[in-house]
Amino acid sequence: MKDIEIIREFKEKVQDFFPRAGIYFYGSRVKKNHRDDSGYDVPVILNDVNSTTRKKIYDIAWETGFKYDASIAPVLSSKDYSYSARISPFWDNVKHHGLAL
């Protein structure tokens, strides 16, 4: 299965629980310079990040990753934080080099 298909499946499962989640595909797999054992970096922007949402997203990442023998690494951020942190190097890179899904 192609990388983008794995991440789209992850996105669909996340949006079953969090319909307004913003999901990006980012990192070496998007740039096509990954190693075989590279993980999938997936920034996820939610209205609110708390222990319940964090656990649900991580469970979905584990289940989807297990299905495809892939390591999906969500990076969670609240909508308020991600917009105020747009000047950070990480969010700047996501914005310019990530793939919004």
Foldseek 3Di string as FASTA:
>chain_A
DQPVVLVVVLVVQLCVVAVPKWKKWDDCSLVVNDDPQDATEIEIEGQDDDPVSVVSSVVSQVVSCVVVVHRYDYDYDYPVVLVVCCVPPVNVRCVVRIGID
